[in-house]
Amino acid sequence: MDTLPEKSLKKPISVLVLLHDAHGQILLLERTDRAGFWQSVTGSLENDETPFQAALREVAEETGIILPNTQLHDWQHSTVYEIFPHWRHRYPRGVTHNTEHWFSAQIAHQPPTLSEHTAYQWLDPNIAIERVFSPSNRDMIVQFSKRFQAA
C-alpha cells in the first residue's frame, strides 16, 4: 500500500475519549472504513496540539458536541500499543506503535451528529466492553465501569 504524502502522515500520539451519560451508559461509534468496528471518540494529535486540545477537537469533529474545558476529564493515563499493520501506511515510515492518552466526559444522553462514523449506540458498559474492537478502548471501559460503580 502506498504511503501518504509527508504532510498528511499521522503523529503516533492519539487520544481516546470515553463519552458517557449520568447513568453510566457509554456512547460508541461505528467506523466508516470498517463495518462492525465500534469505538469511543479517538484521533491523532495535529500540529502542535496538546492531548487535551486534541480530545476537545476530536469530540467536536466526531460528534458535533462542543465540550467546555471543565467538562473534559483527563485521566492522566496513557498506553502504548502496536498500530494494526493495515493502518501503518498512515504514519511515518518505521512507526509501529502509538501512545494513546485517555479522557472522558459526562454528556447528555443525546444523538450525536456523525461526520466520521456510520452509526452510534448508547450501551451499558458490559455490552460496550464486548462491542469495541480496540483492546485499549476495552480496558478503558472496564476501568470506567469500576470507577462508576464505586461512586
C-alpha atoms as a PDB file:
ATOM      1  CA  MET A   1       0.000   0.000   0.000  1.00  0.00           C
ATOM      2  CA  ASP A   2       1.290   3.481  -0.858  1.00  0.00           C
ATOM      3  CA  THR A   3       2.243   5.828   1.941  1.00  0.00           C
ATOM      4  CA  LEU A   4       0.635   9.228   2.354  1.00  0.00           C
ATOM      5  CA  PRO A   5       2.475  12.459   1.482  1.00  0.00           C
ATOM      6  CA  GLU A   6       4.734  13.537   4.383  1.00  0.00           C
ATOM      7  CA  LYS A   7       2.405  16.420   5.405  1.00  0.00           C
ATOM      8  CA  SER A   8      -0.575  14.033   5.647  1.00  0.00           C
ATOM      9  CA  LEU A   9       1.102  11.430   7.855  1.00  0.00           C
ATOM     10  CA  LYS A  10      -0.318  10.970  11.325  1.00  0.00           C
ATOM     11  CA  LYS A  11       1.581  11.508  14.543  1.00  0.00           C
ATOM     12  CA  PRO A  12       1.850   8.336  16.630  1.00  0.00           C
ATOM     13  CA  ILE A  13       0.238  10.158  19.560  1.00  0.00           C
ATOM     14  CA  SER A  14      -3.525   9.982  19.967  1.00  0.00           C
ATOM     15  CA  VAL A  15      -6.426  10.488  22.344  1.00  0.00           C
ATOM     16  CA  LEU A  16      -9.254   8.190  23.396  1.00  0.00           C
ATOM     17  CA  VAL A  17     -12.321   9.959  24.779  1.00  0.00           C
ATOM     18  CA  LEU A  18     -15.000   7.916  26.524  1.00  0.00           C
ATOM     19  CA  LEU A  19     -18.324   9.770  26.464  1.00  0.00           C
ATOM     20  CA  HIS A  20     -20.934   8.640  28.974  1.00  0.00           C
ATOM     21  CA  ASP A  21     -24.200   9.825  30.448  1.00  0.00           C
ATOM     22  CA  ALA A  22     -25.156  10.331  34.100  1.00  0.00           C
ATOM     23  CA  HIS A  23     -26.325   6.712  34.347  1.00  0.00           C
ATOM     24  CA  GLY A  24     -23.058   5.200  33.075  1.00  0.00           C
ATOM     25  CA  GLN A  25     -24.268   4.449  29.540  1.00  0.00           C
ATOM     26  CA  ILE A  26     -21.424   4.722  27.030  1.00  0.00           C
ATOM     27  CA  LEU A  27     -21.573   6.254  23.560  1.00  0.00           C
ATOM     28  CA  LEU A  28     -19.951   4.085  20.877  1.00  0.00           C
ATOM     29  CA  LEU A  29     -19.432   4.996  17.228  1.00  0.00           C
ATOM     30  CA  GLU A  30     -19.117   2.629  14.249  1.00  0.00           C
ATOM     31  CA  ARG A  31     -16.172   3.281  11.958  1.00  0.00           C
ATOM     32  CA  THR A  32     -16.918   4.237   8.370  1.00  0.00           C
ATOM     33  CA  ASP A  33     -13.900   2.367   6.994  1.00  0.00           C
ATOM     34  CA  ARG A  34     -14.577  -0.853   8.932  1.00  0.00           C
ATOM     35  CA  ALA A  35     -18.172  -2.031   9.350  1.00  0.00           C
ATOM     36  CA  GLY A  36     -18.690  -3.603  12.750  1.00  0.00           C
ATOM     37  CA  PHE A  37     -15.706  -1.786  14.325  1.00  0.00           C
ATOM     38  CA  TRP A  38     -17.143   0.141  17.272  1.00  0.00           C
ATOM     39  CA  GLN A  39     -15.157   2.630  19.320  1.00  0.00           C
ATOM     40  CA  SER A  40     -15.168   5.670  21.535  1.00  0.00           C
ATOM     41  CA  VAL A  41     -14.058   9.010  20.119  1.00  0.00           C
ATOM     42  CA  THR A  42     -10.419   8.761  19.072  1.00  0.00           C
ATOM     43  CA  GLY A  43      -7.882  10.533  16.911  1.00  0.00           C
ATOM     44  CA  SER A  44      -4.302  11.649  16.470  1.00  0.00           C
ATOM     45  CA  LEU A  45      -2.811  14.933  17.573  1.00  0.00           C
ATOM     46  CA  GLU A  46      -2.441  17.563  14.864  1.00  0.00           C
ATOM     47  CA  ASN A  47       0.264  20.210  14.533  1.00  0.00           C
ATOM     48  CA  ASP A  48       1.291  21.488  17.979  1.00  0.00           C
ATOM     49  CA  GLU A  49      -1.826  20.326  19.850  1.00  0.00           C
ATOM     50  CA  THR A  50      -1.691  19.004  23.374  1.00  0.00           C
ATOM     51  CA  PRO A  51      -3.600  15.779  24.055  1.00  0.00           C
ATOM     52  CA  PHE A  52      -6.234  17.839  25.929  1.00  0.00           C
ATOM     53  CA  GLN A  53      -6.762  20.128  22.931  1.00  0.00           C
ATOM     54  CA  ALA A  54      -6.919  17.134  20.588  1.00  0.00           C
ATOM     55  CA  ALA A  55      -9.536  15.458  22.780  1.00  0.00           C
ATOM     56  CA  LEU A  56     -11.783  18.536  22.657  1.00  0.00           C
ATOM     57  CA  ARG A  57     -11.323  18.825  18.874  1.00  0.00           C
ATOM     58  CA  GLU A  58     -11.979  15.137  18.214  1.00  0.00           C
ATOM     59  CA  VAL A  59     -15.199  15.149  20.265  1.00  0.00           C
ATOM     60  CA  ALA A  60     -16.432  18.172  18.298  1.00  0.00           C
ATOM     61  CA  GLU A  61     -15.426  16.682  14.930  1.00  0.00           C
ATOM     62  CA  GLU A  62     -16.807  13.192  15.540  1.00  0.00           C
ATOM     63  CA  THR A  63     -19.991  14.005  17.473  1.00  0.00           C
ATOM     64  CA  GLY A  64     -20.781  17.698  16.965  1.00  0.00           C
ATOM     65  CA  ILE A  65     -20.609  18.170  20.744  1.00  0.00           C
ATOM     66  CA  ILE A  66     -18.631  21.204  21.913  1.00  0.00           C
ATOM     67  CA  LEU A  67     -17.301  20.396  25.376  1.00  0.00           C
ATOM     68  CA  PRO A  68     -16.263  23.157  27.754  1.00  0.00           C
ATOM     69  CA  ASN A  69     -12.730  22.577  29.081  1.00  0.00           C
ATOM     70  CA  THR A  70     -14.143  21.936  32.545  1.00  0.00           C
ATOM     71  CA  GLN A  71     -16.274  19.034  31.299  1.00  0.00           C
ATOM     72  CA  LEU A  72     -13.352  17.021  29.916  1.00  0.00           C
ATOM     73  CA  HIS A  73     -11.707  14.758  32.494  1.00  0.00           C
ATOM     74  CA  ASP A  74      -8.024  13.985  31.888  1.00  0.00           C
ATOM     75  CA  TRP A  75      -7.319  10.517  33.291  1.00  0.00           C
ATOM     76  CA  GLN A  76      -3.580  11.325  33.443  1.00  0.00           C
ATOM     77  CA  HIS A  77      -3.071   7.918  31.828  1.00  0.00           C
ATOM     78  CA  SER A  78      -1.511   6.839  28.571  1.00  0.00           C
ATOM     79  CA  THR A  79      -0.930   3.486  26.988  1.00  0.00           C
ATOM     80  CA  VAL A  80       1.329   2.364  24.159  1.00  0.00           C
ATOM     81  CA  TYR A  81       0.009  -0.129  21.654  1.00  0.00           C
ATOM     82  CA  GLU A  82       1.060  -1.634  18.343  1.00  0.00           C
ATOM     83  CA  ILE A  83      -0.581   0.015  15.329  1.00  0.00           C
ATOM     84  CA  PHE A  84      -2.545  -2.501  13.256  1.00  0.00           C
ATOM     85  CA  PRO A  85      -0.437  -3.349  10.167  1.00  0.00           C
ATOM     86  CA  HIS A  86      -3.238  -2.300   7.783  1.00  0.00           C
ATOM     87  CA  TRP A  87      -3.132   1.248   9.227  1.00  0.00           C
ATOM     88  CA  ARG A  88       0.658   1.746   9.388  1.00  0.00           C
ATOM     89  CA  HIS A  89       0.765   3.425   5.966  1.00  0.00           C
ATOM     90  CA  ARG A  90      -0.870   6.443   7.663  1.00  0.00           C
ATOM     91  CA  TYR A  91       2.251   7.047   9.801  1.00  0.00           C
ATOM     92  CA  PRO A  92       5.874   7.925   9.021  1.00  0.00           C
ATOM     93  CA  ARG A  93       7.959   5.013   7.747  1.00  0.00           C
ATOM     94  CA  GLY A  94       9.055   2.654  10.511  1.00  0.00           C
ATOM     95  CA  VAL A  95       6.457   3.766  13.078  1.00  0.00           C
ATOM     96  CA  THR A  96       4.779   0.698  14.593  1.00  0.00           C
ATOM     97  CA  HIS A  97       3.488   1.939  17.965  1.00  0.00           C
ATOM     98  CA  ASN A  98       1.190   4.708  19.165  1.00  0.00           C
ATOM     99  CA  THR A  99       0.869   6.449  22.542  1.00  0.00           C
ATOM    100  CA  GLU A 100      -2.774   6.974  23.461  1.00  0.00           C
ATOM    101  CA  HIS A 101      -3.949   9.441  26.151  1.00  0.00           C
ATOM    102  CA  TRP A 102      -7.264   8.786  27.939  1.00  0.00           C
ATOM    103  CA  PHE A 103     -10.047  11.280  28.627  1.00  0.00           C
ATOM    104  CA  SER A 104     -13.733  11.072  29.485  1.00  0.00           C
ATOM    105  CA  ALA A 105     -16.723  13.371  29.728  1.00  0.00           C
ATOM    106  CA  GLN A 106     -20.239  13.065  31.039  1.00  0.00           C
ATOM    107  CA  ILE A 107     -22.686  14.366  28.450  1.00  0.00           C
ATOM    108  CA  ALA A 108     -26.442  14.383  27.956  1.00  0.00           C
ATOM    109  CA  HIS A 109     -27.864  11.175  26.505  1.00  0.00           C
ATOM    110  CA  GLN A 110     -28.403  12.579  23.028  1.00  0.00           C
ATOM    111  CA  PRO A 111     -27.873  11.576  19.425  1.00  0.00           C
ATOM    112  CA  PRO A 112     -24.507  12.788  18.156  1.00  0.00           C
ATOM    113  CA  THR A 113     -24.036  14.495  14.813  1.00  0.00           C
ATOM    114  CA  LEU A 114     -21.986  11.908  12.923  1.00  0.00           C
ATOM    115  CA  SER A 115     -19.367  13.059  10.433  1.00  0.00           C
ATOM    116  CA  GLU A 116     -16.731  10.320  10.553  1.00  0.00           C
ATOM    117  CA  HIS A 117     -18.877   7.329  11.552  1.00  0.00           C
ATOM    118  CA  THR A 118     -21.880   5.468  10.174  1.00  0.00           C
ATOM    119  CA  ALA A 119     -23.821   4.727  13.363  1.00  0.00           C
ATOM    120  CA  TYR A 120     -23.892   5.229  17.120  1.00  0.00           C
ATOM    121  CA  GLN A 121     -25.169   3.333  20.153  1.00  0.00           C
ATOM    122  CA  TRP A 122     -25.631   4.171  23.827  1.00  0.00           C
ATOM    123  CA  LEU A 123     -24.706   0.989  25.679  1.00  0.00           C
ATOM    124  CA  ASP A 124     -24.361  -0.462  29.136  1.00  0.00           C
ATOM    125  CA  PRO A 125     -20.613  -0.764  29.916  1.00  0.00           C
ATOM    126  CA  ASN A 126     -20.765  -4.581  29.942  1.00  0.00           C
ATOM    127  CA  ILE A 127     -22.128  -4.610  26.393  1.00  0.00           C
ATOM    128  CA  ALA A 128     -19.740  -1.860  25.265  1.00  0.00           C
ATOM    129  CA  ILE A 129     -16.782  -3.911  26.550  1.00  0.00           C
ATOM    130  CA  GLU A 130     -17.823  -6.729  24.208  1.00  0.00           C
ATOM    131  CA  ARG A 131     -18.574  -4.437  21.258  1.00  0.00           C
ATOM    132  CA  VAL A 132     -15.362  -2.384  20.929  1.00  0.00           C
ATOM    133  CA  PHE A 133     -12.581  -3.757  18.732  1.00  0.00           C
ATOM    134  CA  SER A 134      -9.670  -1.946  20.383  1.00  0.00           C
ATOM    135  CA  PRO A 135      -8.073  -3.603  23.425  1.00  0.00           C
ATOM    136  CA  SER A 136      -7.188  -0.202  24.926  1.00  0.00           C
ATOM    137  CA  ASN A 137     -10.768   1.028  24.457  1.00  0.00           C
ATOM    138  CA  ARG A 138     -11.968  -2.153  26.181  1.00  0.00           C
ATOM    139  CA  ASP A 139      -9.526  -1.594  29.057  1.00  0.00           C
ATOM    140  CA  MET A 140     -10.714   1.982  29.494  1.00  0.00           C
ATOM    141  CA  ILE A 141     -14.375   0.932  29.614  1.00  0.00           C
ATOM    142  CA  VAL A 142     -13.548  -1.731  32.224  1.00  0.00           C
ATOM    143  CA  GLN A 143     -11.779   0.881  34.370  1.00  0.00           C
ATOM    144  CA  PHE A 144     -14.606   3.393  33.857  1.00  0.00           C
ATOM    145  CA  SER A 145     -17.197   0.803  34.869  1.00  0.00           C
ATOM    146  CA  LYS A 146     -15.330   0.044  38.120  1.00  0.00           C
ATOM    147  CA  ARG A 147     -14.993   3.751  38.933  1.00  0.00           C
ATOM    148  CA  PHE A 148     -18.634   4.482  38.094  1.00  0.00           C
ATOM    149  CA  GLN A 149     -19.937   1.621  40.244  1.00  0.00           C
ATOM    150  CA  ALA A 150     -17.720   2.705  43.161  1.00  0.00           C
ATOM    151  CA  ALA A 151     -19.005   6.304  43.023  1.00  0.00           C
END
